[in-house]
Amino acid sequence: MTSEELAHYLTTNPVLVRRVLAGLRSRGYVSSDKGHGGGWVISCDLQTVTLRDIYDALGAPTIFAMGNRNENPECLVEQVVNDALATAFDEAEALLIARLGDVTLGDLATEFSRKFNAHSKKGKNDDHNYQGHDF
């Protein structure tokens, strides 16, 4: 699948897709072929690669967009609130990252196939045509 096709499905920019996939390629999770008929394919064992592996390959980006706006506030109330929230955010992030390690790409592929087959049996048409693509 090309970067442009993936970007269309994800409603994002192909340059962003290529940047993310380059990080995954460096770990051997995907590979690409250039030229006509080229594109990106998954090149790893879906049963062994976890969402935690993908998260790490992408540079372990920030999980939560919320957090302390000022790391060193002068206001004592803000300091106390920040301390309390920091612990909660740290615990929540650790829990989520641990859970990422429990989900393999194979788990996702299995669930996708199940939902796709159920969707196909209903005879629904939508804008996403997944047939013929490597997932």
N, C-alpha and C. Protein backbone atom coordinates (compact mmCIF):
# COMPACT_ATOMS: atom_id res chain seq x y z
N MET A 1 0.85 -1.16 0.00
CA MET A 1 0.00 0.00 0.00
C MET A 1 0.90 1.23 0.00
N THR A 2 0.57 2.22 -0.78
CA THR A 2 1.41 3.41 -0.87
C THR A 2 1.16 4.35 0.31
N SER A 3 2.09 5.26 0.51
CA SER A 3 1.94 6.26 1.56
C SER A 3 0.70 7.11 1.31
N GLU A 4 0.43 7.38 0.06
CA GLU A 4 -0.74 8.19 -0.29
C GLU A 4 -2.04 7.46 0.07
N GLU A 5 -2.08 6.14 -0.22
CA GLU A 5 -3.27 5.37 0.13
C GLU A 5 -3.47 5.32 1.64
N LEU A 6 -2.39 5.05 2.37
CA LEU A 6 -2.48 5.02 3.82
C LEU A 6 -2.92 6.37 4.37
N ALA A 7 -2.35 7.44 3.84
CA ALA A 7 -2.71 8.79 4.29
C ALA A 7 -4.19 9.05 4.05
N HIS A 8 -4.70 8.58 2.91
CA HIS A 8 -6.13 8.76 2.62
C HIS A 8 -6.98 8.05 3.67
N TYR A 9 -6.66 6.80 3.99
CA TYR A 9 -7.41 6.04 4.99
C TYR A 9 -7.33 6.66 6.37
N LEU A 10 -6.18 7.25 6.68
CA LEU A 10 -5.95 7.83 8.00
C LEU A 10 -6.33 9.31 8.06
N THR A 11 -6.69 9.88 6.93
CA THR A 11 -7.02 11.29 6.82
C THR A 11 -5.88 12.15 7.36
N THR A 12 -4.70 11.93 6.76
CA THR A 12 -3.53 12.69 7.17
C THR A 12 -2.64 12.92 5.97
N ASN A 13 -1.48 13.48 6.19
CA ASN A 13 -0.55 13.83 5.13
C ASN A 13 0.38 12.65 4.82
N PRO A 14 0.60 12.36 3.52
CA PRO A 14 1.50 11.26 3.15
C PRO A 14 2.93 11.43 3.69
N VAL A 15 3.39 12.65 3.85
CA VAL A 15 4.73 12.89 4.39
C VAL A 15 4.80 12.39 5.84
N LEU A 16 3.76 12.65 6.61
CA LEU A 16 3.70 12.17 7.98
C LEU A 16 3.70 10.64 8.00
N VAL A 17 2.94 10.02 7.11
CA VAL A 17 2.90 8.56 7.03
C VAL A 17 4.28 8.01 6.72
N ARG A 18 4.97 8.60 5.75
CA ARG A 18 6.31 8.13 5.39
C ARG A 18 7.29 8.28 6.56
N ARG A 19 7.18 9.36 7.30
CA ARG A 19 8.06 9.59 8.45
C ARG A 19 7.84 8.52 9.52
N VAL A 20 6.59 8.21 9.81
CA VAL A 20 6.28 7.19 10.81
C VAL A 20 6.74 5.82 10.32
N LEU A 21 6.44 5.50 9.07
CA LEU A 21 6.81 4.19 8.54
C LEU A 21 8.32 4.01 8.44
N ALA A 22 9.05 5.09 8.25
CA ALA A 22 10.51 4.99 8.22
C ALA A 22 11.04 4.50 9.57
N GLY A 23 10.44 4.97 10.66
CA GLY A 23 10.83 4.50 11.98
C GLY A 23 10.50 3.02 12.17
N LEU A 24 9.38 2.60 11.63
CA LEU A 24 9.01 1.18 11.73
C LEU A 24 9.88 0.32 10.83
N ARG A 25 10.29 0.87 9.69
CA ARG A 25 11.18 0.13 8.78
C ARG A 25 12.54 -0.10 9.43
N SER A 26 13.03 0.89 10.18
CA SER A 26 14.35 0.74 10.81
C SER A 26 14.36 -0.40 11.83
N ARG A 27 13.21 -0.76 12.34
CA ARG A 27 13.10 -1.88 13.28
C ARG A 27 12.75 -3.20 12.59
N GLY A 28 12.50 -3.13 11.28
CA GLY A 28 12.17 -4.34 10.53
C GLY A 28 10.71 -4.72 10.58
N TYR A 29 9.85 -3.81 11.02
CA TYR A 29 8.43 -4.12 11.12
C TYR A 29 7.70 -3.96 9.79
N VAL A 30 8.19 -3.05 8.95
CA VAL A 30 7.62 -2.85 7.62
C VAL A 30 8.77 -2.76 6.62
N SER A 31 8.43 -2.97 5.36
CA SER A 31 9.41 -2.76 4.29
C SER A 31 8.69 -2.04 3.15
N SER A 32 9.48 -1.51 2.23
CA SER A 32 8.87 -0.77 1.13
C SER A 32 9.61 -1.05 -0.16
N ASP A 33 8.87 -0.93 -1.24
CA ASP A 33 9.42 -1.02 -2.59
C ASP A 33 9.08 0.27 -3.30
N LYS A 34 10.04 0.80 -4.04
CA LYS A 34 9.82 2.03 -4.79
C LYS A 34 9.31 1.71 -6.18
N GLY A 35 8.81 2.74 -6.84
CA GLY A 35 8.39 2.61 -8.22
C GLY A 35 6.96 2.14 -8.38
N HIS A 36 6.58 1.94 -9.65
CA HIS A 36 5.23 1.51 -9.97
C HIS A 36 4.93 0.16 -9.32
N GLY A 37 3.84 0.09 -8.62
CA GLY A 37 3.47 -1.14 -7.94
C GLY A 37 4.12 -1.29 -6.58
N GLY A 38 4.93 -0.32 -6.20
CA GLY A 38 5.60 -0.38 -4.91
C GLY A 38 4.69 0.08 -3.80
N GLY A 39 5.22 0.09 -2.62
CA GLY A 39 4.46 0.52 -1.46
C GLY A 39 4.99 -0.13 -0.20
N TRP A 40 4.24 -0.02 0.84
CA TRP A 40 4.63 -0.51 2.16
C TRP A 40 3.91 -1.82 2.46
N VAL A 41 4.62 -2.75 3.09
CA VAL A 41 4.03 -4.00 3.55
C VAL A 41 4.57 -4.32 4.94
N ILE A 42 3.77 -5.01 5.71
CA ILE A 42 4.22 -5.48 7.02
C ILE A 42 5.19 -6.62 6.79
N SER A 43 6.33 -6.57 7.46
CA SER A 43 7.37 -7.58 7.22
C SER A 43 7.83 -8.26 8.51
N CYS A 44 6.99 -8.26 9.51
CA CYS A 44 7.35 -8.87 10.79
C CYS A 44 6.34 -9.95 11.15
N ASP A 45 6.66 -10.71 12.17
CA ASP A 45 5.75 -11.73 12.68
C ASP A 45 4.69 -11.04 13.53
N LEU A 46 3.47 -11.03 13.03
CA LEU A 46 2.37 -10.34 13.71
C LEU A 46 2.10 -10.89 15.11
N GLN A 47 2.45 -12.14 15.33
CA GLN A 47 2.17 -12.77 16.63
C GLN A 47 3.18 -12.37 17.70
N THR A 48 4.32 -11.82 17.30
CA THR A 48 5.34 -11.48 18.30
C THR A 48 5.52 -9.98 18.51
N VAL A 49 5.13 -9.17 17.55
CA VAL A 49 5.30 -7.72 17.68
C VAL A 49 4.08 -7.15 18.39
N THR A 50 4.34 -6.39 19.45
CA THR A 50 3.26 -5.81 20.25
C THR A 50 3.10 -4.32 19.96
N LEU A 51 2.00 -3.78 20.45
CA LEU A 51 1.81 -2.34 20.34
C LEU A 51 2.89 -1.60 21.13
N ARG A 52 3.42 -2.21 22.17
CA ARG A 52 4.53 -1.59 22.92
C ARG A 52 5.77 -1.50 22.03
N ASP A 53 6.01 -2.53 21.23
CA ASP A 53 7.14 -2.49 20.30
C ASP A 53 6.97 -1.33 19.31
N ILE A 54 5.77 -1.15 18.82
CA ILE A 54 5.50 -0.07 17.88
C ILE A 54 5.67 1.28 18.57
N TYR A 55 5.12 1.39 19.77
CA TYR A 55 5.26 2.61 20.56
C TYR A 55 6.73 2.97 20.75
N ASP A 56 7.55 1.99 21.11
CA ASP A 56 8.97 2.23 21.30
C ASP A 56 9.65 2.61 19.98
N ALA A 57 9.26 1.94 18.89
CA ALA A 57 9.85 2.23 17.58
C ALA A 57 9.55 3.66 17.13
N LEU A 58 8.44 4.19 17.60
CA LEU A 58 8.07 5.55 17.24
C LEU A 58 8.67 6.59 18.19
N GLY A 59 9.57 6.14 19.06
CA GLY A 59 10.26 7.06 19.94
C GLY A 59 9.55 7.29 21.26
N ALA A 60 8.65 6.40 21.65
CA ALA A 60 7.91 6.51 22.91
C ALA A 60 7.31 7.91 23.09
N PRO A 61 6.43 8.30 22.17
CA PRO A 61 5.86 9.65 22.25
C PRO A 61 5.01 9.83 23.50
N THR A 62 4.77 11.08 23.86
CA THR A 62 3.95 11.42 25.01
C THR A 62 2.58 10.78 24.87
N ILE A 63 2.13 10.12 25.90
CA ILE A 63 0.84 9.45 25.88
C ILE A 63 -0.30 10.44 26.07
N PHE A 64 -0.17 11.28 27.08
CA PHE A 64 -1.25 12.21 27.42
C PHE A 64 -0.89 13.63 27.02
N ALA A 65 -1.84 14.31 26.42
CA ALA A 65 -1.64 15.71 26.04
C ALA A 65 -1.85 16.63 27.24
N MET A 66 -2.47 16.11 28.28
CA MET A 66 -2.72 16.90 29.48
C MET A 66 -1.51 16.79 30.40
N GLY A 67 -1.40 17.71 31.29
CA GLY A 67 -0.30 17.66 32.25
C GLY A 67 -0.01 19.04 32.81
N ASN A 68 1.09 19.15 33.50
CA ASN A 68 1.47 20.42 34.10
C ASN A 68 1.85 21.42 33.02
N ARG A 69 1.21 22.58 33.07
CA ARG A 69 1.55 23.61 32.09
C ARG A 69 2.82 24.36 32.49
N ASN A 70 3.04 24.41 33.77
CA ASN A 70 4.22 25.11 34.29
C ASN A 70 4.91 24.15 35.25
N GLU A 71 6.08 23.69 34.88
CA GLU A 71 6.79 22.70 35.69
C GLU A 71 7.28 23.25 37.02
N ASN A 72 7.51 24.54 37.09
CA ASN A 72 8.01 25.16 38.33
C ASN A 72 7.17 26.37 38.70
N PRO A 73 5.92 26.13 39.10
CA PRO A 73 5.05 27.27 39.42
C PRO A 73 5.44 27.92 40.75
N GLU A 74 5.17 29.21 40.85
CA GLU A 74 5.42 29.92 42.10
C GLU A 74 4.27 29.76 43.07
N CYS A 75 3.08 29.53 42.56
CA CYS A 75 1.88 29.40 43.38
C CYS A 75 1.91 28.06 44.14
N LEU A 76 1.78 28.11 45.45
CA LEU A 76 1.81 26.89 46.27
C LEU A 76 0.65 25.95 45.95
N VAL A 77 -0.52 26.51 45.67
CA VAL A 77 -1.67 25.67 45.31
C VAL A 77 -1.37 24.92 44.02
N GLU A 78 -0.84 25.61 43.04
CA GLU A 78 -0.49 24.97 41.78
C GLU A 78 0.58 23.90 41.97
N GLN A 79 1.53 24.15 42.85
CA GLN A 79 2.57 23.15 43.14
C GLN A 79 1.96 21.86 43.69
N VAL A 80 1.04 22.01 44.65
CA VAL A 80 0.40 20.84 45.27
C VAL A 80 -0.44 20.09 44.26
N VAL A 81 -1.22 20.82 43.47
CA VAL A 81 -2.06 20.18 42.45
C VAL A 81 -1.17 19.48 41.43
N ASN A 82 -0.12 20.13 40.97
CA ASN A 82 0.80 19.51 40.00
C ASN A 82 1.40 18.22 40.55
N ASP A 83 1.81 18.25 41.82
CA ASP A 83 2.39 17.04 42.43
C ASP A 83 1.38 15.90 42.43
N ALA A 84 0.14 16.20 42.80
CA ALA A 84 -0.90 15.17 42.86
C ALA A 84 -1.21 14.64 41.46
N LEU A 85 -1.32 15.52 40.50
CA LEU A 85 -1.63 15.09 39.13
C LEU A 85 -0.47 14.35 38.49
N ALA A 86 0.74 14.76 38.79
CA ALA A 86 1.91 14.10 38.20
C ALA A 86 1.92 12.62 38.57
N THR A 87 1.63 12.31 39.80
CA THR A 87 1.60 10.92 40.23
C THR A 87 0.50 10.16 39.49
N ALA A 88 -0.68 10.75 39.39
CA ALA A 88 -1.79 10.10 38.69
C ALA A 88 -1.45 9.88 37.22
N PHE A 89 -0.89 10.88 36.57
CA PHE A 89 -0.52 10.74 35.16
C PHE A 89 0.58 9.69 34.98
N ASP A 90 1.56 9.69 35.85
CA ASP A 90 2.64 8.70 35.76
C ASP A 90 2.10 7.28 35.91
N GLU A 91 1.19 7.08 36.86
CA GLU A 91 0.60 5.75 37.07
C GLU A 91 -0.26 5.34 35.88
N ALA A 92 -1.05 6.27 35.36
CA ALA A 92 -1.91 5.96 34.22
C ALA A 92 -1.08 5.64 32.98
N GLU A 93 -0.02 6.40 32.77
CA GLU A 93 0.85 6.16 31.63
C GLU A 93 1.54 4.80 31.74
N ALA A 94 2.03 4.47 32.92
CA ALA A 94 2.69 3.18 33.12
C ALA A 94 1.72 2.03 32.87
N LEU A 95 0.48 2.17 33.31
CA LEU A 95 -0.53 1.14 33.10
C LEU A 95 -0.83 0.97 31.61
N LEU A 96 -1.00 2.07 30.91
CA LEU A 96 -1.30 2.00 29.49
C LEU A 96 -0.14 1.41 28.69
N ILE A 97 1.07 1.82 28.99
CA ILE A 97 2.24 1.29 28.29
C ILE A 97 2.38 -0.21 28.55
N ALA A 98 2.12 -0.63 29.78
CA ALA A 98 2.16 -2.07 30.08
C ALA A 98 1.11 -2.81 29.27
N ARG A 99 -0.07 -2.24 29.15
CA ARG A 99 -1.15 -2.87 28.37
C ARG A 99 -0.78 -2.97 26.90
N LEU A 100 -0.05 -2.01 26.38
CA LEU A 100 0.40 -2.08 24.98
C LEU A 100 1.23 -3.33 24.74
N GLY A 101 1.94 -3.76 25.75
CA GLY A 101 2.76 -4.96 25.62
C GLY A 101 1.96 -6.24 25.59
N ASP A 102 0.69 -6.16 25.93
CA ASP A 102 -0.18 -7.34 25.94
C ASP A 102 -0.92 -7.55 24.62
N VAL A 103 -0.85 -6.59 23.72
CA VAL A 103 -1.61 -6.66 22.47
C VAL A 103 -0.65 -6.81 21.30
N THR A 104 -0.76 -7.92 20.59
CA THR A 104 0.10 -8.14 19.42
C THR A 104 -0.59 -7.62 18.17
N LEU A 105 0.22 -7.41 17.14
CA LEU A 105 -0.35 -7.04 15.85
C LEU A 105 -1.24 -8.17 15.34
N GLY A 106 -0.91 -9.40 15.70
CA GLY A 106 -1.75 -10.54 15.34
C GLY A 106 -3.13 -10.44 15.96
N ASP A 107 -3.19 -9.99 17.22
CA ASP A 107 -4.49 -9.78 17.87
C ASP A 107 -5.32 -8.77 17.08
N LEU A 108 -4.68 -7.69 16.67
CA LEU A 108 -5.39 -6.65 15.91
C LEU A 108 -5.84 -7.18 14.56
N ALA A 109 -4.98 -7.95 13.89
CA ALA A 109 -5.33 -8.50 12.58
C ALA A 109 -6.51 -9.45 12.69
N THR A 110 -6.52 -10.27 13.73
CA THR A 110 -7.62 -11.21 13.95
C THR A 110 -8.92 -10.45 14.17
N GLU A 111 -8.89 -9.45 15.01
CA GLU A 111 -10.10 -8.66 15.29
C GLU A 111 -10.56 -7.90 14.06
N PHE A 112 -9.61 -7.35 13.31
CA PHE A 112 -9.97 -6.65 12.07
C PHE A 112 -10.67 -7.62 11.11
N SER A 113 -10.10 -8.80 10.93
CA SER A 113 -10.70 -9.79 10.02
C SER A 113 -12.10 -10.17 10.46
N ARG A 114 -12.27 -10.37 11.76
CA ARG A 114 -13.59 -10.72 12.28
C ARG A 114 -14.60 -9.62 11.96
N LYS A 115 -14.23 -8.38 12.24
CA LYS A 115 -15.15 -7.26 11.99
C LYS A 115 -15.37 -7.06 10.49
N PHE A 116 -14.33 -7.21 9.71
CA PHE A 116 -14.46 -7.03 8.27
C PHE A 116 -15.40 -8.08 7.69
N ASN A 117 -15.24 -9.33 8.11
CA ASN A 117 -16.11 -10.40 7.62
C ASN A 117 -17.56 -10.17 8.02
N ALA A 118 -17.79 -9.74 9.26
CA ALA A 118 -19.14 -9.44 9.70
C ALA A 118 -19.72 -8.27 8.91
N HIS A 119 -18.91 -7.29 8.66
CA HIS A 119 -19.32 -6.11 7.89
C HIS A 119 -19.68 -6.51 6.45
N SER A 120 -18.85 -7.35 5.86
CA SER A 120 -19.07 -7.80 4.49
C SER A 120 -20.36 -8.61 4.36
N LYS A 121 -20.64 -9.42 5.36
CA LYS A 121 -21.85 -10.24 5.34
C LYS A 121 -23.11 -9.41 5.40
N LYS A 122 -23.01 -8.25 6.02
CA LYS A 122 -24.17 -7.35 6.09
C LYS A 122 -24.42 -6.66 4.77
N GLY A 123 -23.43 -6.70 3.88
CA GLY A 123 -23.57 -6.09 2.56
C GLY A 123 -23.48 -4.58 2.57
N LYS A 124 -22.86 -4.04 3.60
CA LYS A 124 -22.73 -2.58 3.69
C LYS A 124 -21.65 -2.09 2.74
N ASN A 125 -21.88 -0.93 2.18
CA ASN A 125 -20.88 -0.24 1.36
C ASN A 125 -20.45 1.00 2.10
N ASP A 126 -19.17 1.25 2.14
CA ASP A 126 -18.67 2.50 2.71
C ASP A 126 -17.48 2.98 1.91
N ASP A 127 -16.85 4.03 2.38
CA ASP A 127 -15.74 4.63 1.65
C ASP A 127 -14.45 3.83 1.76
N HIS A 128 -14.38 2.87 2.67
CA HIS A 128 -13.15 2.10 2.88
C HIS A 128 -13.25 0.77 2.16
N ASN A 129 -12.44 0.59 1.17
CA ASN A 129 -12.38 -0.68 0.46
C ASN A 129 -11.06 -1.34 0.82
N TYR A 130 -11.11 -2.30 1.72
CA TYR A 130 -9.90 -2.92 2.23
C TYR A 130 -9.45 -4.10 1.40
N GLN A 131 -10.26 -4.56 0.48
CA GLN A 131 -9.90 -5.75 -0.27
C GLN A 131 -8.69 -5.49 -1.14
N GLY A 132 -7.82 -6.48 -1.21
CA GLY A 132 -6.65 -6.37 -2.06
C GLY A 132 -5.47 -5.67 -1.41
N HIS A 133 -5.59 -5.34 -0.15
CA HIS A 133 -4.50 -4.65 0.54
C HIS A 133 -3.85 -5.58 1.55
N ASP A 134 -2.57 -5.41 1.77
CA ASP A 134 -1.85 -6.19 2.76
C ASP A 134 -1.98 -5.52 4.11
N PHE A 135 -2.58 -6.22 5.04
CA PHE A 135 -2.69 -5.71 6.42
C PHE A 135 -2.05 -6.69 7.34
